[in-house]
PDB file of N, CA and C in Angstrom:
ATOM      1  N   MET A   1      68.773 -52.797  82.062  1.00  0.00           N
ATOM      2  CA  MET A   1      67.420 -52.174  82.532  1.00  0.00           C
ATOM      3  C   MET A   1      66.642 -52.634  81.724  1.00  0.00           C
ATOM      4  N   ASN A   2      65.418 -53.088  82.620  1.00  0.00           N
ATOM      5  CA  ASN A   2      64.308 -53.742  81.605  1.00  0.00           C
ATOM      6  C   ASN A   2      63.428 -52.485  81.480  1.00  0.00           C
ATOM      7  N   ILE A   3      63.204 -52.060  80.266  1.00  0.00           N
ATOM      8  CA  ILE A   3      62.180 -51.061  79.760  1.00  0.00           C
ATOM      9  C   ILE A   3      60.917 -51.402  79.085  1.00  0.00           C
ATOM     10  N   ILE A   4      59.928 -51.049  79.516  1.00  0.00           N
ATOM     11  CA  ILE A   4      58.733 -51.308  79.206  1.00  0.00           C
ATOM     12  C   ILE A   4      58.222 -50.180  78.689  1.00  0.00           C
ATOM     13  N   ILE A   5      57.462 -50.197  77.113  1.00  0.00           N
ATOM     14  CA  ILE A   5      57.157 -48.844  76.835  1.00  0.00           C
ATOM     15  C   ILE A   5      55.635 -49.470  76.120  1.00  0.00           C
ATOM     16  N   GLN A   6      54.410 -48.488  76.921  1.00  0.00           N
ATOM     17  CA  GLN A   6      52.755 -48.616  76.546  1.00  0.00           C
ATOM     18  C   GLN A   6      53.012 -47.280  75.812  1.00  0.00           C
ATOM     19  N   SER A   7      52.101 -47.647  75.106  1.00  0.00           N
ATOM     20  CA  SER A   7      51.301 -46.419  73.959  1.00  0.00           C
ATOM     21  C   SER A   7      49.831 -46.412  74.244  1.00  0.00           C
ATOM     22  N   VAL A   8      49.216 -45.496  75.070  1.00  0.00           N
ATOM     23  CA  VAL A   8      47.943 -45.585  74.954  1.00  0.00           C
ATOM     24  C   VAL A   8      47.179 -44.821  74.138  1.00  0.00           C
ATOM     25  N   HIS A   9      46.035 -44.916  73.382  1.00  0.00           N
ATOM     26  CA  HIS A   9      45.354 -44.576  72.541  1.00  0.00           C
ATOM     27  C   HIS A   9      46.163 -43.963  70.901  1.00  0.00           C
ATOM     28  N   PHE A  10      46.993 -44.959  70.609  1.00  0.00           N
ATOM     29  CA  PHE A  10      47.710 -44.961  69.817  1.00  0.00           C
ATOM     30  C   PHE A  10      48.654 -45.688  69.300  1.00  0.00           C
ATOM     31  N   SER A  11      48.972 -46.286  68.327  1.00  0.00           N
ATOM     32  CA  SER A  11      50.299 -47.214  67.837  1.00  0.00           C
ATOM     33  C   SER A  11      51.786 -46.387  67.330  1.00  0.00           C
ATOM     34  N   GLU A  12      52.768 -47.099  68.707  1.00  0.00           N
ATOM     35  CA  GLU A  12      53.799 -45.652  68.384  1.00  0.00           C
ATOM     36  C   GLU A  12      54.583 -46.540  67.178  1.00  0.00           C
ATOM     37  N   THR A  13      55.275 -45.564  66.336  1.00  0.00           N
ATOM     38  CA  THR A  13      56.283 -46.245  65.335  1.00  0.00           C
ATOM     39  C   THR A  13      57.563 -46.647  65.861  1.00  0.00           C
ATOM     40  N   GLN A  14      58.550 -47.508  65.093  1.00  0.00           N
ATOM     41  CA  GLN A  14      59.453 -48.300  65.494  1.00  0.00           C
ATOM     42  C   GLN A  14      60.552 -46.949  66.132  1.00  0.00           C
ATOM     43  N   ALA A  15      60.676 -46.011  65.014  1.00  0.00           N
ATOM     44  CA  ALA A  15      61.688 -44.813  65.332  1.00  0.00           C
ATOM     45  C   ALA A  15      61.280 -44.326  66.800  1.00  0.00           C
ATOM     46  N   LEU A  16      60.188 -43.956  67.011  1.00  0.00           N
ATOM     47  CA  LEU A  16      59.576 -43.298  68.448  1.00  0.00           C
ATOM     48  C   LEU A  16      60.000 -44.423  69.475  1.00  0.00           C
ATOM     49  N   HIS A  17      59.768 -45.758  69.243  1.00  0.00           N
ATOM     50  CA  HIS A  17      60.224 -46.635  70.331  1.00  0.00           C
ATOM     51  C   HIS A  17      61.800 -46.468  70.400  1.00  0.00           C
ATOM     52  N   ASP A  18      62.428 -46.601  69.295  1.00  0.00           N
ATOM     53  CA  ASP A  18      64.070 -46.529  69.531  1.00  0.00           C
ATOM     54  C   ASP A  18      64.357 -45.254  70.303  1.00  0.00           C
ATOM     55  N   PHE A  19      63.381 -44.221  69.624  1.00  0.00           N
ATOM     56  CA  PHE A  19      63.962 -42.582  70.518  1.00  0.00           C
ATOM     57  C   PHE A  19      63.908 -42.862  71.944  1.00  0.00           C
ATOM     58  N   VAL A  20      62.593 -43.343  72.607  1.00  0.00           N
ATOM     59  CA  VAL A  20      62.413 -43.438  73.862  1.00  0.00           C
ATOM     60  C   VAL A  20      63.551 -44.367  74.372  1.00  0.00           C
ATOM     61  N   THR A  21      63.781 -45.682  74.065  1.00  0.00           N
ATOM     62  CA  THR A  21      64.424 -46.469  74.589  1.00  0.00           C
ATOM     63  C   THR A  21      65.671 -46.050  74.753  1.00  0.00           C
ATOM     64  N   GLU A  22      66.444 -45.248  74.073  1.00  0.00           N
ATOM     65  CA  GLU A  22      67.481 -44.804  73.503  1.00  0.00           C
ATOM     66  C   GLU A  22      67.568 -43.200  74.951  1.00  0.00           C
ATOM     67  N   GLU A  23      66.991 -42.652  75.198  1.00  0.00           N
ATOM     68  CA  GLU A  23      66.654 -41.746  76.075  1.00  0.00           C
ATOM     69  C   GLU A  23      66.551 -42.389  77.505  1.00  0.00           C
ATOM     70  N   VAL A  24      65.773 -43.310  77.911  1.00  0.00           N
ATOM     71  CA  VAL A  24      65.833 -43.985  78.776  1.00  0.00           C
ATOM     72  C   VAL A  24      67.207 -44.551  79.274  1.00  0.00           C
ATOM     73  N   ARG A  25      67.508 -45.487  78.230  1.00  0.00           N
ATOM     74  CA  ARG A  25      68.694 -46.028  78.858  1.00  0.00           C
ATOM     75  C   ARG A  25      69.979 -44.988  79.246  1.00  0.00           C
ATOM     76  N   LYS A  26      70.003 -43.972  78.739  1.00  0.00           N
ATOM     77  CA  LYS A  26      71.217 -42.664  79.338  1.00  0.00           C
ATOM     78  C   LYS A  26      70.943 -42.459  80.587  1.00  0.00           C
ATOM     79  N   LEU A  27      69.845 -42.699  81.005  1.00  0.00           N
ATOM     80  CA  LEU A  27      69.953 -42.549  82.769  1.00  0.00           C
ATOM     81  C   LEU A  27      70.427 -43.409  83.412  1.00  0.00           C
ATOM     82  N   SER A  28      71.050 -44.337  82.888  1.00  0.00           N
ATOM     83  CA  SER A  28      71.740 -45.450  83.398  1.00  0.00           C
ATOM     84  C   SER A  28      72.888 -44.722  83.991  1.00  0.00           C
ATOM     85  N   ARG A  29      73.699 -44.181  83.472  1.00  0.00           N
ATOM     86  CA  ARG A  29      74.934 -42.884  83.452  1.00  0.00           C
ATOM     87  C   ARG A  29      74.604 -42.953  84.810  1.00  0.00           C
ATOM     88  N   TYR A  30      74.025 -42.194  85.261  1.00  0.00           N
ATOM     89  CA  TYR A  30      73.570 -41.475  86.486  1.00  0.00           C
ATOM     90  C   TYR A  30      73.220 -42.186  87.528  1.00  0.00           C
ATOM     91  N   HIS A  31      73.085 -43.785  87.513  1.00  0.00           N
ATOM     92  CA  HIS A  31      72.316 -44.320  88.827  1.00  0.00           C
ATOM     93  C   HIS A  31      72.985 -46.007  88.261  1.00  0.00           C
ATOM     94  N   ASP A  32      73.713 -46.801  88.964  1.00  0.00           N
ATOM     95  CA  ASP A  32      74.017 -47.866  88.361  1.00  0.00           C
ATOM     96  C   ASP A  32      72.967 -49.173  88.858  1.00  0.00           C
ATOM     97  N   LYS A  33      72.069 -48.762  89.435  1.00  0.00           N
ATOM     98  CA  LYS A  33      70.992 -49.498  90.357  1.00  0.00           C
ATOM     99  C   LYS A  33      69.880 -49.200  90.112  1.00  0.00           C
ATOM    100  N   ILE A  34      69.657 -48.829  88.989  1.00  0.00           N
ATOM    101  CA  ILE A  34      68.267 -48.789  88.135  1.00  0.00           C
ATOM    102  C   ILE A  34      67.787 -50.153  87.390  1.00  0.00           C
ATOM    103  N   GLU A  35      66.653 -50.638  87.930  1.00  0.00           N
ATOM    104  CA  GLU A  35      66.201 -52.026  87.484  1.00  0.00           C
ATOM    105  C   GLU A  35      65.719 -52.123  86.224  1.00  0.00           C
ATOM    106  N   GLY A  36      64.777 -51.071  86.353  1.00  0.00           N
ATOM    107  CA  GLY A  36      63.466 -50.872  84.974  1.00  0.00           C
ATOM    108  C   GLY A  36      62.954 -49.573  84.759  1.00  0.00           C
ATOM    109  N   ALA A  37      62.127 -49.358  83.784  1.00  0.00           N
ATOM    110  CA  ALA A  37      61.776 -48.199  83.635  1.00  0.00           C
ATOM    111  C   ALA A  37      60.454 -48.486  82.989  1.00  0.00           C
ATOM    112  N   LYS A  38      59.204 -48.138  83.303  1.00  0.00           N
ATOM    113  CA  LYS A  38      57.955 -47.961  82.747  1.00  0.00           C
ATOM    114  C   LYS A  38      57.415 -46.595  82.343  1.00  0.00           C
ATOM    115  N   VAL A  39      57.422 -46.635  80.608  1.00  0.00           N
ATOM    116  CA  VAL A  39      57.063 -45.849  80.008  1.00  0.00           C
ATOM    117  C   VAL A  39      55.714 -45.784  79.605  1.00  0.00           C
ATOM    118  N   PHE A  40      55.111 -44.567  79.496  1.00  0.00           N
ATOM    119  CA  PHE A  40      53.516 -44.499  79.121  1.00  0.00           C
ATOM    120  C   PHE A  40      53.130 -43.130  78.043  1.00  0.00           C
ATOM    121  N   LEU A  41      53.176 -43.570  76.829  1.00  0.00           N
ATOM    122  CA  LEU A  41      53.111 -42.635  76.042  1.00  0.00           C
ATOM    123  C   LEU A  41      51.484 -42.581  76.038  1.00  0.00           C
ATOM    124  N   LYS A  42      50.912 -41.562  75.870  1.00  0.00           N
ATOM    125  CA  LYS A  42      49.430 -41.062  75.625  1.00  0.00           C
ATOM    126  C   LYS A  42      49.373 -39.918  74.771  1.00  0.00           C
ATOM    127  N   LEU A  43      47.961 -40.195  74.141  1.00  0.00           N
ATOM    128  CA  LEU A  43      47.348 -39.159  73.347  1.00  0.00           C
ATOM    129  C   LEU A  43      46.308 -38.650  74.284  1.00  0.00           C
ATOM    130  N   GLU A  44      46.475 -37.382  74.753  1.00  0.00           N
ATOM    131  CA  GLU A  44      45.205 -36.992  75.391  1.00  0.00           C
ATOM    132  C   GLU A  44      44.139 -36.058  74.707  1.00  0.00           C
ATOM    133  N   LYS A  45      42.891 -36.082  74.668  1.00  0.00           N
ATOM    134  CA  LYS A  45      42.009 -35.370  74.202  1.00  0.00           C
ATOM    135  C   LYS A  45      42.025 -33.964  74.483  1.00  0.00           C
ATOM    136  N   SER A  46      42.538 -33.215  73.660  1.00  0.00           N
ATOM    137  CA  SER A  46      42.644 -31.619  73.819  1.00  0.00           C
ATOM    138  C   SER A  46      42.623 -30.969  72.948  1.00  0.00           C
ATOM    139  N   ASN A  47      42.233 -29.348  73.563  1.00  0.00           N
ATOM    140  CA  ASN A  47      41.941 -28.790  72.106  1.00  0.00           C
ATOM    141  C   ASN A  47      43.342 -27.767  71.535  1.00  0.00           C
ATOM    142  N   THR A  48      44.083 -28.055  72.362  1.00  0.00           N
ATOM    143  CA  THR A  48      45.598 -27.640  72.204  1.00  0.00           C
ATOM    144  C   THR A  48      46.627 -28.730  71.530  1.00  0.00           C
ATOM    145  N   ARG A  49      47.655 -28.393  70.485  1.00  0.00           N
ATOM    146  CA  ARG A  49      48.648 -29.086  70.119  1.00  0.00           C
ATOM    147  C   ARG A  49      49.374 -29.822  70.928  1.00  0.00           C
ATOM    148  N   GLU A  50      49.417 -29.394  72.373  1.00  0.00           N
ATOM    149  CA  GLU A  50      50.240 -30.150  73.693  1.00  0.00           C
ATOM    150  C   GLU A  50      49.181 -31.255  74.032  1.00  0.00           C
ATOM    151  N   ASN A  51      49.248 -32.005  73.239  1.00  0.00           N
ATOM    152  CA  ASN A  51      48.466 -33.135  74.082  1.00  0.00           C
ATOM    153  C   ASN A  51      49.167 -34.541  73.523  1.00  0.00           C
ATOM    154  N   LYS A  52      50.771 -34.507  73.622  1.00  0.00           N
ATOM    155  CA  LYS A  52      51.100 -35.685  73.516  1.00  0.00           C
ATOM    156  C   LYS A  52      52.066 -36.018  75.254  1.00  0.00           C
ATOM    157  N   VAL A  53      51.462 -36.920  75.961  1.00  0.00           N
ATOM    158  CA  VAL A  53      52.089 -37.337  77.435  1.00  0.00           C
ATOM    159  C   VAL A  53      52.892 -38.147  77.627  1.00  0.00           C
ATOM    160  N   CYS A  54      54.023 -38.049  78.764  1.00  0.00           N
ATOM    161  CA  CYS A  54      54.913 -39.264  78.701  1.00  0.00           C
ATOM    162  C   CYS A  54      55.249 -39.306  80.087  1.00  0.00           C
ATOM    163  N   GLU A  55      54.924 -40.231  80.578  1.00  0.00           N
ATOM    164  CA  GLU A  55      55.114 -40.469  82.005  1.00  0.00           C
ATOM    165  C   GLU A  55      56.127 -41.502  82.048  1.00  0.00           C
ATOM    166  N   ILE A  56      57.375 -41.587  82.822  1.00  0.00           N
ATOM    167  CA  ILE A  56      57.948 -42.736  83.286  1.00  0.00           C
ATOM    168  C   ILE A  56      58.324 -42.907  85.030  1.00  0.00           C
ATOM    169  N   ARG A  57      58.194 -44.193  85.243  1.00  0.00           N
ATOM    170  CA  ARG A  57      58.363 -44.423  86.459  1.00  0.00           C
ATOM    171  C   ARG A  57      59.856 -45.562  86.328  1.00  0.00           C
ATOM    172  N   LEU A  58      60.758 -44.837  87.148  1.00  0.00           N
ATOM    173  CA  LEU A  58      62.160 -45.200  87.500  1.00  0.00           C
ATOM    174  C   LEU A  58      62.071 -46.384  88.407  1.00  0.00           C
ATOM    175  N   GLU A  59      62.749 -47.575  88.133  1.00  0.00           N
ATOM    176  CA  GLU A  59      62.381 -48.588  89.279  1.00  0.00           C
ATOM    177  C   GLU A  59      63.890 -48.310  89.973  1.00  0.00           C
ATOM    178  N   ILE A  60      64.137 -47.953  90.813  1.00  0.00           N
ATOM    179  CA  ILE A  60      65.285 -48.005  92.041  1.00  0.00           C
ATOM    180  C   ILE A  60      65.146 -48.670  93.107  1.00  0.00           C
ATOM    181  N   PRO A  61      65.658 -50.079  93.687  1.00  0.00           N
ATOM    182  CA  PRO A  61      65.523 -50.200  94.922  1.00  0.00           C
ATOM    183  C   PRO A  61      65.580 -49.259  96.154  1.00  0.00           C
ATOM    184  N   GLY A  62      64.489 -49.578  96.802  1.00  0.00           N
ATOM    185  CA  GLY A  62      63.903 -48.415  97.558  1.00  0.00           C
ATOM    186  C   GLY A  62      63.426 -47.142  97.401  1.00  0.00           C
ATOM    187  N   HIS A  63      63.587 -46.888  95.880  1.00  0.00           N
ATOM    188  CA  HIS A  63      63.246 -45.722  95.439  1.00  0.00           C
ATOM    189  C   HIS A  63      62.445 -45.615  94.064  1.00  0.00           C
ATOM    190  N   ASP A  64      61.092 -45.520  93.966  1.00  0.00           N
ATOM    191  CA  ASP A  64      61.169 -45.195  92.801  1.00  0.00           C
ATOM    192  C   ASP A  64      60.563 -43.767  92.748  1.00  0.00           C
ATOM    193  N   LEU A  65      60.981 -43.394  91.475  1.00  0.00           N
ATOM    194  CA  LEU A  65      61.336 -42.109  90.627  1.00  0.00           C
ATOM    195  C   LEU A  65      59.984 -41.852  89.701  1.00  0.00           C
ATOM    196  N   PHE A  66      58.738 -40.956  89.843  1.00  0.00           N
ATOM    197  CA  PHE A  66      58.193 -41.121  88.742  1.00  0.00           C
ATOM    198  C   PHE A  66      58.317 -39.309  88.065  1.00  0.00           C
ATOM    199  N   VAL A  67      58.001 -39.229  86.406  1.00  0.00           N
ATOM    200  CA  VAL A  67      57.873 -38.048  85.955  1.00  0.00           C
ATOM    201  C   VAL A  67      56.771 -38.120  85.183  1.00  0.00           C
ATOM    202  N   LYS A  68      55.942 -37.066  84.963  1.00  0.00           N
ATOM    203  CA  LYS A  68      54.834 -36.803  83.401  1.00  0.00           C
ATOM    204  C   LYS A  68      54.654 -35.633  83.189  1.00  0.00           C
ATOM    205  N   THR A  69      55.046 -35.424  82.112  1.00  0.00           N
ATOM    206  CA  THR A  69      54.912 -34.385  81.143  1.00  0.00           C
ATOM    207  C   THR A  69      53.977 -34.249  79.652  1.00  0.00           C
ATOM    208  N   GLN A  70      53.584 -33.122  79.471  1.00  0.00           N
ATOM    209  CA  GLN A  70      52.967 -33.024  78.286  1.00  0.00           C
ATOM    210  C   GLN A  70      53.204 -32.034  77.360  1.00  0.00           C
ATOM    211  N   CYS A  71      53.553 -32.506  75.947  1.00  0.00           N
ATOM    212  CA  CYS A  71      54.238 -31.449  75.237  1.00  0.00           C
ATOM    213  C   CYS A  71      53.301 -31.953  73.710  1.00  0.00           C
ATOM    214  N   GLU A  72      54.299 -30.797  72.703  1.00  0.00           N
ATOM    215  CA  GLU A  72      53.488 -30.789  71.502  1.00  0.00           C
ATOM    216  C   GLU A  72      53.711 -32.308  70.582  1.00  0.00           C
ATOM    217  N   THR A  73      55.201 -32.774  70.988  1.00  0.00           N
ATOM    218  CA  THR A  73      55.681 -33.910  70.586  1.00  0.00           C
ATOM    219  C   THR A  73      56.002 -35.263  71.428  1.00  0.00           C
ATOM    220  N   PHE A  74      55.904 -36.478  70.898  1.00  0.00           N
ATOM    221  CA  PHE A  74      56.633 -37.670  72.263  1.00  0.00           C
ATOM    222  C   PHE A  74      58.001 -37.435  72.335  1.00  0.00           C
ATOM    223  N   GLU A  75      58.465 -37.043  71.538  1.00  0.00           N
ATOM    224  CA  GLU A  75      59.891 -36.626  71.453  1.00  0.00           C
ATOM    225  C   GLU A  75      60.125 -35.246  72.588  1.00  0.00           C
ATOM    226  N   GLU A  76      59.587 -34.592  72.448  1.00  0.00           N
ATOM    227  CA  GLU A  76      59.950 -33.186  73.434  1.00  0.00           C
ATOM    228  C   GLU A  76      59.434 -33.685  74.842  1.00  0.00           C
ATOM    229  N   ALA A  77      58.347 -34.342  74.957  1.00  0.00           N
ATOM    230  CA  ALA A  77      57.731 -34.967  76.173  1.00  0.00           C
ATOM    231  C   ALA A  77      58.602 -35.612  76.849  1.00  0.00           C
ATOM    232  N   THR A  78      59.332 -36.919  76.052  1.00  0.00           N
ATOM    233  CA  THR A  78      60.077 -37.675  76.561  1.00  0.00           C
ATOM    234  C   THR A  78      61.702 -37.302  76.915  1.00  0.00           C
ATOM    235  N   SER A  79      62.035 -36.122  76.366  1.00  0.00           N
ATOM    236  CA  SER A  79      63.021 -35.538  76.852  1.00  0.00           C
ATOM    237  C   SER A  79      62.983 -34.841  78.176  1.00  0.00           C
ATOM    238  N   ASN A  80      62.219 -34.209  78.003  1.00  0.00           N
ATOM    239  CA  ASN A  80      61.651 -33.281  79.404  1.00  0.00           C
ATOM    240  C   ASN A  80      61.522 -34.594  80.616  1.00  0.00           C
ATOM    241  N   VAL A  81      60.725 -35.313  80.562  1.00  0.00           N
ATOM    242  CA  VAL A  81      60.715 -36.386  81.533  1.00  0.00           C
ATOM    243  C   VAL A  81      62.403 -37.115  81.708  1.00  0.00           C
ATOM    244  N   VAL A  82      62.857 -37.352  80.919  1.00  0.00           N
ATOM    245  CA  VAL A  82      64.015 -37.749  81.229  1.00  0.00           C
ATOM    246  C   VAL A  82      65.213 -36.668  81.933  1.00  0.00           C
ATOM    247  N   ASP A  83      65.120 -35.629  81.553  1.00  0.00           N
ATOM    248  CA  ASP A  83      65.900 -34.487  81.673  1.00  0.00           C
ATOM    249  C   ASP A  83      65.516 -34.314  83.598  1.00  0.00           C
ATOM    250  N   GLU A  84      64.287 -34.566  83.613  1.00  0.00           N
ATOM    251  CA  GLU A  84      63.794 -34.187  85.204  1.00  0.00           C
ATOM    252  C   GLU A  84      64.064 -35.358  86.056  1.00  0.00           C
ATOM    253  N   LEU A  85      64.293 -36.448  85.279  1.00  0.00           N
ATOM    254  CA  LEU A  85      64.501 -37.881  85.915  1.00  0.00           C
ATOM    255  C   LEU A  85      65.955 -37.652  86.597  1.00  0.00           C
ATOM    256  N   LYS A  86      67.012 -36.979  85.741  1.00  0.00           N
ATOM    257  CA  LYS A  86      68.403 -36.547  85.803  1.00  0.00           C
ATOM    258  C   LYS A  86      68.496 -36.213  87.326  1.00  0.00           C
ATOM    259  N   GLU A  87      67.600 -35.407  87.361  1.00  0.00           N
ATOM    260  CA  GLU A  87      67.899 -34.196  88.619  1.00  0.00           C
ATOM    261  C   GLU A  87      67.300 -34.850  89.615  1.00  0.00           C
ATOM    262  N   GLN A  88      66.290 -35.852  89.684  1.00  0.00           N
ATOM    263  CA  GLN A  88      65.854 -36.680  90.461  1.00  0.00           C
ATOM    264  C   GLN A  88      66.807 -37.454  91.080  1.00  0.00           C
ATOM    265  N   ILE A  89      67.827 -38.081  90.307  1.00  0.00           N
ATOM    266  CA  ILE A  89      68.604 -39.110  90.625  1.00  0.00           C
ATOM    267  C   ILE A  89      69.870 -38.466  91.164  1.00  0.00           C
ATOM    268  N   LYS A  90      69.889 -37.396  90.756  1.00  0.00           N
ATOM    269  CA  LYS A  90      71.210 -36.552  91.188  1.00  0.00           C
ATOM    270  C   LYS A  90      70.778 -36.125  92.741  1.00  0.00           C
ATOM    271  N   GLU A  91      69.719 -35.579  92.993  1.00  0.00           N
ATOM    272  CA  GLU A  91      69.066 -35.425  94.358  1.00  0.00           C
ATOM    273  C   GLU A  91      68.960 -36.413  95.621  1.00  0.00           C
ATOM    274  N   LEU A  92      68.706 -37.352  94.682  1.00  0.00           N
ATOM    275  CA  LEU A  92      68.879 -38.977  95.368  1.00  0.00           C
ATOM    276  C   LEU A  92      70.079 -39.581  95.806  1.00  0.00           C
ATOM    277  N   LYS A  93      70.943 -39.443  94.780  1.00  0.00           N
ATOM    278  CA  LYS A  93      72.316 -39.534  95.291  1.00  0.00           C
ATOM    279  C   LYS A  93      73.172 -38.655  96.338  1.00  0.00           C
ATOM    280  N   SER A  94      72.652 -37.419  96.396  1.00  0.00           N
ATOM    281  CA  SER A  94      73.436 -36.607  97.188  1.00  0.00           C
ATOM    282  C   SER A  94      72.935 -36.728  98.373  1.00  0.00           C
ATOM    283  N   ARG A  95      71.226 -36.531  98.808  1.00  0.00           N
ATOM    284  CA  ARG A  95      70.778 -37.587  99.817  1.00  0.00           C
ATOM    285  C   ARG A  95      71.599 -38.571 100.311  1.00  0.00           C
ATOM    286  N   SER A  96      71.677 -39.551  99.769  1.00  0.00           N
ATOM    287  CA  SER A  96      72.299 -40.871  99.877  1.00  0.00           C
ATOM    288  C   SER A  96      73.655 -40.598 100.663  1.00  0.00           C
ATOM    289  N   GLU A  97      74.360 -39.374  99.923  1.00  0.00           N
ATOM    290  CA  GLU A  97      75.626 -39.205 100.496  1.00  0.00           C
ATOM    291  C   GLU A  97      76.080 -38.503 101.574  1.00  0.00           C
ATOM    292  N   ARG A  98      74.823 -37.967 101.907  1.00  0.00           N
ATOM    293  CA  ARG A  98      74.705 -37.075 103.278  1.00  0.00           C
ATOM    294  C   ARG A  98      74.689 -37.937 104.537  1.00  0.00           C
ATOM    295  N   ARG A  99      74.069 -39.072 104.316  1.00  0.00           N
ATOM    296  CA  ARG A  99      73.503 -40.124 105.543  1.00  0.00           C
ATOM    297  C   ARG A  99      74.667 -40.938 105.788  1.00  0.00           C
TER     298      ARG A  99
END
């Protein structure tokens, strides 16, 4: 799986890059045809501490999945997005099996 991570309005640390890569790679356990993932980490201008945004577009032939969330940390946002993508993958596979 090809993973592209883009940081918007900040420079990511190696630890954050490694964390995001590891979390996204876990998704390949749920679908063997995932070609790639585009990850966008953004700092939003906000009056609250929940200003870290993670967006992931998962590329599966015939189906692109997308999830976006905003949390206090990039790690929390990434974990939440990956959990939601797991659910979307399970739903996609369930629909495919019914056909």
